[in-house]
Amino acid sequence: MKIKTVIPFVLLVAFFGVSFQKIQDKPVLYIIGDSTVQNGSGKGSDSLWGWGSFMNVFLNTDKIEIQNHAKGGRSSRTFLTEGRWDSIMKTIKKGDYVLMQFGHNDGGELADTLRARGTIKGIGEETKDIYNPIRKVNETVYTYGYYMRKYADEAKDKGAVPIIVSPVPRNEFNEKGKIEKDQYGIWAQQVAKQTGAYFIDLNEMVIEKYRKMGPEKVKAFFPKDHTHTNEAGAVLNAELVVKGIKQLKNCELKNYIK
């Protein structure tokens, strides 16, 4: 009678000189946001780019996968109601990261026939029941803070690391030659504190950079309007996002920076 010998997996691993650890796919950096994060298809249509399209320049993609899910025209509300966040929730796993930046489109109307993408201002628990003429459904609209908390909390529930990014500023110098800090940037920081998410004050960082450059040089970054950058402007924003990542205490995403 033959006795079947079963060699434990641990011994096989040790025999072949492979360290014994759980074999996993490399982590994924999910990026969500609007057109300032990914413009169009992310290939520079009309010479416009979002900063998310250049994160691969600064991160080692041999060790971390980058998925830019940002979509032009979306607010913190419509990125959710269109099912874009749900699709991420199906694949996100422990050890992944989520960079999220919303705010540019949240100030729109709640129920207009053009976009219906606005959110209630602030970070409170206020709600408003509307009929959405775009989706043709009744919908309860929440505050900007509610949607941002949802992204951060649900990412954490999956074991992923949420990083809230304040929205990049528009090219709007005032008469004193300054760009005012965005209110959504302030709310974004408050939500980060509420949820324990990491926070990158990209709004403040870019404003400071623009201030030093001056209106004329900054103008070259905006070929179409005061919101959407060209490649040079998007690369600058991406570089500052990475600078912000480096400054995050105990955030291991910095280990993937080139």
C-alpha atoms as a PDB file:
ATOM      1  CA  MET A   1       0.000   0.000   0.000  1.00  0.00           C
ATOM      2  CA  LYS A   2       1.397   3.394  -1.032  1.00  0.00           C
ATOM      3  CA  ILE A   3       1.393   6.183   1.504  1.00  0.00           C
ATOM      4  CA  LYS A   4       0.700   9.584   0.018  1.00  0.00           C
ATOM      5  CA  THR A   5       3.115  12.189   1.337  1.00  0.00           C
ATOM      6  CA  VAL A   6       1.757  15.667   1.786  1.00  0.00           C
ATOM      7  CA  ILE A   7       4.415  18.371   2.005  1.00  0.00           C
ATOM      8  CA  PRO A   8       3.135  21.394   3.913  1.00  0.00           C
ATOM      9  CA  PHE A   9       3.045  24.626   1.936  1.00  0.00           C
ATOM     10  CA  VAL A  10       5.255  26.290   4.548  1.00  0.00           C
ATOM     11  CA  LEU A  11       8.018  23.756   3.900  1.00  0.00           C
ATOM     12  CA  LEU A  12       7.746  24.214   0.159  1.00  0.00           C
ATOM     13  CA  VAL A  13       8.060  27.943   0.561  1.00  0.00           C
ATOM     14  CA  ALA A  14      11.104  27.530   2.808  1.00  0.00           C
ATOM     15  CA  PHE A  15      12.697  24.975   0.452  1.00  0.00           C
ATOM     16  CA  PHE A  16      12.503  27.249  -2.557  1.00  0.00           C
ATOM     17  CA  GLY A  17      13.854  30.219  -0.631  1.00  0.00           C
ATOM     18  CA  VAL A  18      10.678  32.304  -0.823  1.00  0.00           C
ATOM     19  CA  SER A  19       9.721  34.414   2.190  1.00  0.00           C
ATOM     20  CA  PHE A  20       6.522  33.144   3.773  1.00  0.00           C
ATOM     21  CA  GLN A  21       3.928  35.888   3.569  1.00  0.00           C
ATOM     22  CA  LYS A  22       0.455  36.253   2.210  1.00  0.00           C
ATOM     23  CA  ILE A  23       0.670  36.643  -1.520  1.00  0.00           C
ATOM     24  CA  GLN A  24      -1.379  39.626  -2.608  1.00  0.00           C
ATOM     25  CA  ASP A  25      -1.776  41.802  -5.648  1.00  0.00           C
ATOM     26  CA  LYS A  26       0.049  45.109  -5.410  1.00  0.00           C
ATOM     27  CA  PRO A  27      -1.925  47.912  -3.784  1.00  0.00           C
ATOM     28  CA  VAL A  28      -4.122  50.195  -5.861  1.00  0.00           C
ATOM     29  CA  LEU A  29      -4.309  53.964  -5.666  1.00  0.00           C
ATOM     30  CA  TYR A  30      -7.850  54.957  -6.613  1.00  0.00           C
ATOM     31  CA  ILE A  31      -8.299  58.590  -7.632  1.00  0.00           C
ATOM     32  CA  ILE A  32     -11.760  60.151  -7.680  1.00  0.00           C
ATOM     33  CA  GLY A  33     -12.785  63.677  -8.554  1.00  0.00           C
ATOM     34  CA  ASP A  34     -13.818  66.003 -11.370  1.00  0.00           C
ATOM     35  CA  SER A  35     -12.250  67.405 -14.557  1.00  0.00           C
ATOM     36  CA  THR A  36      -9.435  69.120 -12.670  1.00  0.00           C
ATOM     37  CA  VAL A  37      -8.330  65.608 -11.706  1.00  0.00           C
ATOM     38  CA  GLN A  38      -8.996  63.959 -15.070  1.00  0.00           C
ATOM     39  CA  ASN A  39     -10.076  66.031 -18.034  1.00  0.00           C
ATOM     40  CA  GLY A  40     -12.073  64.232 -20.693  1.00  0.00           C
ATOM     41  CA  SER A  41     -10.539  60.830 -21.431  1.00  0.00           C
ATOM     42  CA  GLY A  42      -7.325  61.893 -19.737  1.00  0.00           C
ATOM     43  CA  LYS A  43      -5.419  62.182 -23.003  1.00  0.00           C
ATOM     44  CA  GLY A  44      -5.078  65.951 -23.288  1.00  0.00           C
ATOM     45  CA  SER A  45      -8.078  66.785 -25.450  1.00  0.00           C
ATOM     46  CA  ASP A  46      -8.157  70.543 -26.186  1.00  0.00           C
ATOM     47  CA  SER A  47      -4.766  70.733 -24.427  1.00  0.00           C
ATOM     48  CA  LEU A  48      -6.487  70.311 -21.052  1.00  0.00           C
ATOM     49  CA  TRP A  49      -5.251  67.961 -18.360  1.00  0.00           C
ATOM     50  CA  GLY A  50      -6.088  67.023 -14.783  1.00  0.00           C
ATOM     51  CA  TRP A  51      -3.452  66.355 -12.143  1.00  0.00           C
ATOM     52  CA  GLY A  52      -4.481  62.729 -11.665  1.00  0.00           C
ATOM     53  CA  SER A  53      -3.203  61.908 -15.135  1.00  0.00           C
ATOM     54  CA  PHE A  54       0.367  62.590 -14.026  1.00  0.00           C
ATOM     55  CA  MET A  55       0.572  60.727 -10.737  1.00  0.00           C
ATOM     56  CA  ASN A  56       2.346  57.922 -12.584  1.00  0.00           C
ATOM     57  CA  VAL A  57       5.230  60.334 -13.201  1.00  0.00           C
ATOM     58  CA  PHE A  58       5.897  60.522  -9.475  1.00  0.00           C
ATOM     59  CA  LEU A  59       4.829  57.092  -8.181  1.00  0.00           C
ATOM     60  CA  ASN A  60       6.465  53.734  -8.839  1.00  0.00           C
ATOM     61  CA  THR A  61       3.860  51.879 -10.861  1.00  0.00           C
ATOM     62  CA  ASP A  62       5.883  48.664 -10.606  1.00  0.00           C
ATOM     63  CA  LYS A  63       4.857  48.582  -6.956  1.00  0.00           C
ATOM     64  CA  ILE A  64       1.467  50.331  -6.938  1.00  0.00           C
ATOM     65  CA  GLU A  65      -1.323  50.411  -9.509  1.00  0.00           C
ATOM     66  CA  ILE A  66      -2.923  53.761 -10.271  1.00  0.00           C
ATOM     67  CA  GLN A  67      -6.581  53.928 -11.323  1.00  0.00           C
ATOM     68  CA  ASN A  68      -7.859  57.398 -12.134  1.00  0.00           C
ATOM     69  CA  HIS A  69     -11.658  57.239 -11.941  1.00  0.00           C
ATOM     70  CA  ALA A  70     -12.172  61.016 -11.877  1.00  0.00           C
ATOM     71  CA  LYS A  71     -14.737  62.270 -14.377  1.00  0.00           C
ATOM     72  CA  GLY A  72     -15.375  65.737 -15.721  1.00  0.00           C
ATOM     73  CA  GLY A  73     -18.504  67.526 -14.571  1.00  0.00           C
ATOM     74  CA  ARG A  74     -19.040  65.391 -11.488  1.00  0.00           C
ATOM     75  CA  SER A  75     -19.668  66.613  -7.991  1.00  0.00           C
ATOM     76  CA  SER A  76     -19.293  64.707  -4.751  1.00  0.00           C
ATOM     77  CA  ARG A  77     -22.967  63.853  -5.210  1.00  0.00           C
ATOM     78  CA  THR A  78     -23.134  62.748  -8.848  1.00  0.00           C
ATOM     79  CA  PHE A  79     -19.969  60.644  -8.650  1.00  0.00           C
ATOM     80  CA  LEU A  80     -21.947  58.606  -6.151  1.00  0.00           C
ATOM     81  CA  THR A  81     -25.414  58.631  -7.761  1.00  0.00           C
ATOM     82  CA  GLU A  82     -24.026  57.561 -11.136  1.00  0.00           C
ATOM     83  CA  GLY A  83     -22.669  54.396  -9.541  1.00  0.00           C
ATOM     84  CA  ARG A  84     -19.021  55.277 -10.000  1.00  0.00           C
ATOM     85  CA  TRP A  85     -18.198  54.838  -6.333  1.00  0.00           C
ATOM     86  CA  ASP A  86     -20.120  51.557  -6.165  1.00  0.00           C
ATOM     87  CA  SER A  87     -17.926  50.136  -8.925  1.00  0.00           C
ATOM     88  CA  ILE A  88     -14.827  50.981  -6.891  1.00  0.00           C
ATOM     89  CA  MET A  89     -16.342  49.396  -3.793  1.00  0.00           C
ATOM     90  CA  LYS A  90     -16.522  46.085  -5.655  1.00  0.00           C
ATOM     91  CA  THR A  91     -12.759  45.843  -6.074  1.00  0.00           C
ATOM     92  CA  ILE A  92     -11.156  47.987  -3.374  1.00  0.00           C
ATOM     93  CA  LYS A  93      -9.292  46.005  -0.734  1.00  0.00           C
ATOM     94  CA  LYS A  94      -7.259  46.336   2.430  1.00  0.00           C
ATOM     95  CA  GLY A  95      -4.041  48.258   1.816  1.00  0.00           C
ATOM     96  CA  ASP A  96      -5.401  50.300  -1.105  1.00  0.00           C
ATOM     97  CA  TYR A  97      -5.572  54.090  -1.121  1.00  0.00           C
ATOM     98  CA  VAL A  98      -8.196  56.615  -2.248  1.00  0.00           C
ATOM     99  CA  LEU A  99      -7.273  60.165  -3.239  1.00  0.00           C
ATOM    100  CA  MET A 100     -10.471  62.211  -3.420  1.00  0.00           C
ATOM    101  CA  GLN A 101     -10.990  65.790  -4.582  1.00  0.00           C
ATOM    102  CA  PHE A 102     -14.403  67.341  -5.091  1.00  0.00           C
ATOM    103  CA  GLY A 103     -15.870  70.818  -4.796  1.00  0.00           C
ATOM    104  CA  HIS A 104     -15.675  72.556  -8.153  1.00  0.00           C
ATOM    105  CA  ASN A 105     -19.119  71.388  -9.225  1.00  0.00           C
ATOM    106  CA  ASP A 106     -20.845  71.095  -5.867  1.00  0.00           C
ATOM    107  CA  GLY A 107     -22.035  74.679  -5.898  1.00  0.00           C
ATOM    108  CA  GLY A 108     -24.446  74.074  -8.783  1.00  0.00           C
ATOM    109  CA  GLU A 109     -28.226  73.797  -8.692  1.00  0.00           C
ATOM    110  CA  LEU A 110     -29.754  70.812  -6.948  1.00  0.00           C
ATOM    111  CA  ALA A 111     -32.459  70.056  -9.501  1.00  0.00           C
ATOM    112  CA  ASP A 112     -31.903  72.019 -12.723  1.00  0.00           C
ATOM    113  CA  THR A 113     -32.467  70.426 -16.125  1.00  0.00           C
ATOM    114  CA  LEU A 114     -28.859  70.926 -17.236  1.00  0.00           C
ATOM    115  CA  ARG A 115     -26.783  69.160 -14.568  1.00  0.00           C
ATOM    116  CA  ALA A 116     -28.652  68.644 -11.277  1.00  0.00           C
ATOM    117  CA  ARG A 117     -25.346  68.062  -9.544  1.00  0.00           C
ATOM    118  CA  GLY A 118     -25.218  70.528  -6.665  1.00  0.00           C
ATOM    119  CA  THR A 119     -24.931  69.622  -3.009  1.00  0.00           C
ATOM    120  CA  ILE A 120     -26.143  71.445   0.079  1.00  0.00           C
ATOM    121  CA  LYS A 121     -23.424  73.792   1.296  1.00  0.00           C
ATOM    122  CA  GLY A 122     -21.510  72.818   4.400  1.00  0.00           C
ATOM    123  CA  ILE A 123     -20.725  69.608   6.240  1.00  0.00           C
ATOM    124  CA  GLY A 124     -23.863  69.204   8.343  1.00  0.00           C
ATOM    125  CA  GLU A 125     -26.717  66.705   8.244  1.00  0.00           C
ATOM    126  CA  GLU A 126     -29.200  68.854   6.304  1.00  0.00           C
ATOM    127  CA  THR A 127     -31.139  67.192   3.489  1.00  0.00           C
ATOM    128  CA  LYS A 128     -33.517  68.246   0.745  1.00  0.00           C
ATOM    129  CA  ASP A 129     -35.920  66.010  -1.154  1.00  0.00           C
ATOM    130  CA  ILE A 130     -36.088  66.827  -4.860  1.00  0.00           C
ATOM    131  CA  TYR A 131     -37.199  65.423  -8.175  1.00  0.00           C
ATOM    132  CA  ASN A 132     -34.123  64.927 -10.324  1.00  0.00           C
ATOM    133  CA  PRO A 133     -35.063  65.866 -13.915  1.00  0.00           C
ATOM    134  CA  ILE A 134     -31.868  64.334 -15.312  1.00  0.00           C
ATOM    135  CA  ARG A 135     -32.205  60.925 -13.700  1.00  0.00           C
ATOM    136  CA  LYS A 136     -36.004  61.183 -13.576  1.00  0.00           C
ATOM    137  CA  VAL A 137     -36.172  59.969  -9.996  1.00  0.00           C
ATOM    138  CA  ASN A 138     -36.982  61.359  -6.571  1.00  0.00           C
ATOM    139  CA  GLU A 139     -33.753  61.967  -4.701  1.00  0.00           C
ATOM    140  CA  THR A 140     -32.640  63.100  -1.271  1.00  0.00           C
ATOM    141  CA  VAL A 141     -29.734  65.522  -1.605  1.00  0.00           C
ATOM    142  CA  TYR A 142     -27.220  65.854   1.209  1.00  0.00           C
ATOM    143  CA  THR A 143     -24.421  68.245   2.114  1.00  0.00           C
ATOM    144  CA  TYR A 144     -20.970  68.255   0.580  1.00  0.00           C
ATOM    145  CA  GLY A 145     -19.652  66.985   3.884  1.00  0.00           C
ATOM    146  CA  TYR A 146     -22.062  64.057   3.919  1.00  0.00           C
ATOM    147  CA  TYR A 147     -20.815  62.732   0.579  1.00  0.00           C
ATOM    148  CA  MET A 148     -17.146  63.240   1.465  1.00  0.00           C
ATOM    149  CA  ARG A 149     -17.655  61.458   4.784  1.00  0.00           C
ATOM    150  CA  LYS A 150     -19.310  58.594   2.957  1.00  0.00           C
ATOM    151  CA  TYR A 151     -16.306  58.121   0.678  1.00  0.00           C
ATOM    152  CA  ALA A 152     -13.832  58.312   3.542  1.00  0.00           C
ATOM    153  CA  ASP A 153     -15.772  56.064   5.909  1.00  0.00           C
ATOM    154  CA  GLU A 154     -16.575  53.396   3.332  1.00  0.00           C
ATOM    155  CA  ALA A 155     -12.963  53.302   2.133  1.00  0.00           C
ATOM    156  CA  LYS A 156     -11.849  52.770   5.733  1.00  0.00           C
ATOM    157  CA  ASP A 157     -14.475  50.040   6.205  1.00  0.00           C
ATOM    158  CA  LYS A 158     -12.784  48.160   3.350  1.00  0.00           C
ATOM    159  CA  GLY A 159      -9.375  48.547   4.970  1.00  0.00           C
ATOM    160  CA  ALA A 160      -8.275  51.174   2.461  1.00  0.00           C
ATOM    161  CA  VAL A 161      -6.665  54.507   3.320  1.00  0.00           C
ATOM    162  CA  PRO A 162      -8.686  57.645   2.432  1.00  0.00           C
ATOM    163  CA  ILE A 163      -6.837  60.851   1.605  1.00  0.00           C
ATOM    164  CA  ILE A 164      -8.999  63.946   1.165  1.00  0.00           C
ATOM    165  CA  VAL A 165      -7.569  66.626  -1.116  1.00  0.00           C
ATOM    166  CA  SER A 166      -8.867  70.193  -1.123  1.00  0.00           C
ATOM    167  CA  PRO A 167      -9.815  71.376  -4.638  1.00  0.00           C
ATOM    168  CA  VAL A 168      -7.219  73.120  -6.778  1.00  0.00           C
ATOM    169  CA  PRO A 169      -7.888  76.869  -7.010  1.00  0.00           C
ATOM    170  CA  ARG A 170      -9.249  78.632 -10.038  1.00  0.00           C
ATOM    171  CA  ASN A 171      -7.219  81.324 -11.746  1.00  0.00           C
ATOM    172  CA  GLU A 172      -9.040  84.151 -10.006  1.00  0.00           C
ATOM    173  CA  PHE A 173      -6.670  86.824  -8.742  1.00  0.00           C
ATOM    174  CA  ASN A 174      -8.461  89.686  -7.000  1.00  0.00           C
ATOM    175  CA  GLU A 175      -7.620  93.384  -7.209  1.00  0.00           C
ATOM    176  CA  LYS A 176      -4.976  92.913  -4.524  1.00  0.00           C
ATOM    177  CA  GLY A 177      -3.244  90.214  -6.563  1.00  0.00           C
ATOM    178  CA  LYS A 178      -4.400  87.384  -4.310  1.00  0.00           C
ATOM    179  CA  ILE A 179      -6.436  84.215  -4.772  1.00  0.00           C
ATOM    180  CA  GLU A 180      -8.853  83.558  -1.931  1.00  0.00           C
ATOM    181  CA  LYS A 181      -8.929  80.153  -0.231  1.00  0.00           C
ATOM    182  CA  ASP A 182     -11.808  77.988  -1.453  1.00  0.00           C
ATOM    183  CA  GLN A 183     -14.630  77.360   1.028  1.00  0.00           C
ATOM    184  CA  TYR A 184     -14.834  73.758  -0.148  1.00  0.00           C
ATOM    185  CA  GLY A 185     -11.205  73.394   0.820  1.00  0.00           C
ATOM    186  CA  ILE A 186     -12.087  74.436   4.360  1.00  0.00           C
ATOM    187  CA  TRP A 187     -14.974  71.980   4.458  1.00  0.00           C
ATOM    188  CA  ALA A 188     -12.768  69.229   3.041  1.00  0.00           C
ATOM    189  CA  GLN A 189     -10.295  69.732   5.877  1.00  0.00           C
ATOM    190  CA  GLN A 190     -13.088  69.625   8.439  1.00  0.00           C
ATOM    191  CA  VAL A 191     -14.379  66.334   7.032  1.00  0.00           C
ATOM    192  CA  ALA A 192     -10.876  64.867   7.173  1.00  0.00           C
ATOM    193  CA  LYS A 193     -10.758  65.688  10.878  1.00  0.00           C
ATOM    194  CA  GLN A 194     -14.222  64.209  11.437  1.00  0.00           C
ATOM    195  CA  THR A 195     -13.394  60.919   9.715  1.00  0.00           C
ATOM    196  CA  GLY A 196      -9.733  60.544  10.615  1.00  0.00           C
ATOM    197  CA  ALA A 197      -8.808  60.617   6.935  1.00  0.00           C
ATOM    198  CA  TYR A 198      -5.512  62.062   5.798  1.00  0.00           C
ATOM    199  CA  PHE A 199      -5.711  65.570   4.342  1.00  0.00           C
ATOM    200  CA  ILE A 200      -3.692  67.374   1.680  1.00  0.00           C
ATOM    201  CA  ASP A 201      -4.381  71.096   1.448  1.00  0.00           C
ATOM    202  CA  LEU A 202      -3.785  71.297  -2.285  1.00  0.00           C
ATOM    203  CA  ASN A 203      -5.869  74.462  -2.488  1.00  0.00           C
ATOM    204  CA  GLU A 204      -3.525  76.312  -0.147  1.00  0.00           C
ATOM    205  CA  MET A 205      -0.373  74.827  -1.675  1.00  0.00           C
ATOM    206  CA  VAL A 206      -1.290  75.852  -5.216  1.00  0.00           C
ATOM    207  CA  ILE A 207      -2.460  79.303  -4.102  1.00  0.00           C
ATOM    208  CA  GLU A 208       0.937  79.862  -2.479  1.00  0.00           C
ATOM    209  CA  LYS A 209       2.699  78.712  -5.648  1.00  0.00           C
ATOM    210  CA  TYR A 210       0.555  80.965  -7.842  1.00  0.00           C
ATOM    211  CA  ARG A 211       1.146  83.910  -5.532  1.00  0.00           C
ATOM    212  CA  LYS A 212       4.885  83.579  -5.982  1.00  0.00           C
ATOM    213  CA  MET A 213       4.565  83.171  -9.750  1.00  0.00           C
ATOM    214  CA  GLY A 214       2.218  86.106 -10.287  1.00  0.00           C
ATOM    215  CA  PRO A 215      -0.902  86.470 -12.492  1.00  0.00           C
ATOM    216  CA  GLU A 216       0.872  86.660 -15.843  1.00  0.00           C
ATOM    217  CA  LYS A 217       2.833  83.423 -15.456  1.00  0.00           C
ATOM    218  CA  VAL A 218      -0.141  81.599 -13.955  1.00  0.00           C
ATOM    219  CA  LYS A 219      -2.322  82.671 -16.872  1.00  0.00           C
ATOM    220  CA  ALA A 220      -0.232  80.451 -19.146  1.00  0.00           C
ATOM    221  CA  PHE A 221      -1.566  77.383 -17.304  1.00  0.00           C
ATOM    222  CA  PHE A 222      -5.181  78.128 -18.308  1.00  0.00           C
ATOM    223  CA  PRO A 223      -5.652  78.077 -22.110  1.00  0.00           C
ATOM    224  CA  LYS A 224      -9.472  77.861 -22.127  1.00  0.00           C
ATOM    225  CA  ASP A 225     -10.945  79.220 -18.893  1.00  0.00           C
ATOM    226  CA  HIS A 226     -10.088  79.925 -15.252  1.00  0.00           C
ATOM    227  CA  THR A 227     -10.560  76.354 -14.034  1.00  0.00           C
ATOM    228  CA  HIS A 228      -8.929  73.809 -16.351  1.00  0.00           C
ATOM    229  CA  THR A 229      -5.169  73.566 -16.689  1.00  0.00           C
ATOM    230  CA  ASN A 230      -2.903  72.596 -19.528  1.00  0.00           C
ATOM    231  CA  GLU A 231      -0.230  69.930 -19.142  1.00  0.00           C
ATOM    232  CA  ALA A 232       2.240  72.194 -17.353  1.00  0.00           C
ATOM    233  CA  GLY A 233      -0.393  73.310 -14.859  1.00  0.00           C
ATOM    234  CA  ALA A 234      -1.571  69.751 -14.223  1.00  0.00           C
ATOM    235  CA  VAL A 235       1.985  68.502 -13.693  1.00  0.00           C
ATOM    236  CA  LEU A 236       2.564  71.297 -11.184  1.00  0.00           C
ATOM    237  CA  ASN A 237      -0.597  70.299  -9.310  1.00  0.00           C
ATOM    238  CA  ALA A 238       0.409  66.617  -9.347  1.00  0.00           C
ATOM    239  CA  GLU A 239       3.846  67.518  -8.038  1.00  0.00           C
ATOM    240  CA  LEU A 240       2.235  69.390  -5.146  1.00  0.00           C
ATOM    241  CA  VAL A 241      -0.079  66.451  -4.403  1.00  0.00           C
ATOM    242  CA  VAL A 242       3.010  64.277  -4.104  1.00  0.00           C
ATOM    243  CA  LYS A 243       4.651  66.881  -1.881  1.00  0.00           C
ATOM    244  CA  GLY A 244       1.553  66.686   0.284  1.00  0.00           C
ATOM    245  CA  ILE A 245       1.775  62.888   0.417  1.00  0.00           C
ATOM    246  CA  LYS A 246       5.367  63.143   1.624  1.00  0.00           C
ATOM    247  CA  GLN A 247       4.198  65.322   4.499  1.00  0.00           C
ATOM    248  CA  LEU A 248       1.499  62.898   5.705  1.00  0.00           C
ATOM    249  CA  LYS A 249       2.562  61.405   9.018  1.00  0.00           C
ATOM    250  CA  ASN A 250       2.561  57.598   9.088  1.00  0.00           C
ATOM    251  CA  CYS A 251       1.007  57.303   5.601  1.00  0.00           C
ATOM    252  CA  GLU A 252       2.703  54.477   3.758  1.00  0.00           C
ATOM    253  CA  LEU A 253       1.682  55.808   0.356  1.00  0.00           C
ATOM    254  CA  LYS A 254       4.875  57.868   0.520  1.00  0.00           C
ATOM    255  CA  ASN A 255       6.833  54.610   0.197  1.00  0.00           C
ATOM    256  CA  TYR A 256       5.743  54.388  -3.441  1.00  0.00           C
ATOM    257  CA  ILE A 257       7.094  57.781  -4.466  1.00  0.00           C
ATOM    258  CA  LYS A 258       9.938  57.528  -6.961  1.00  0.00           C
END
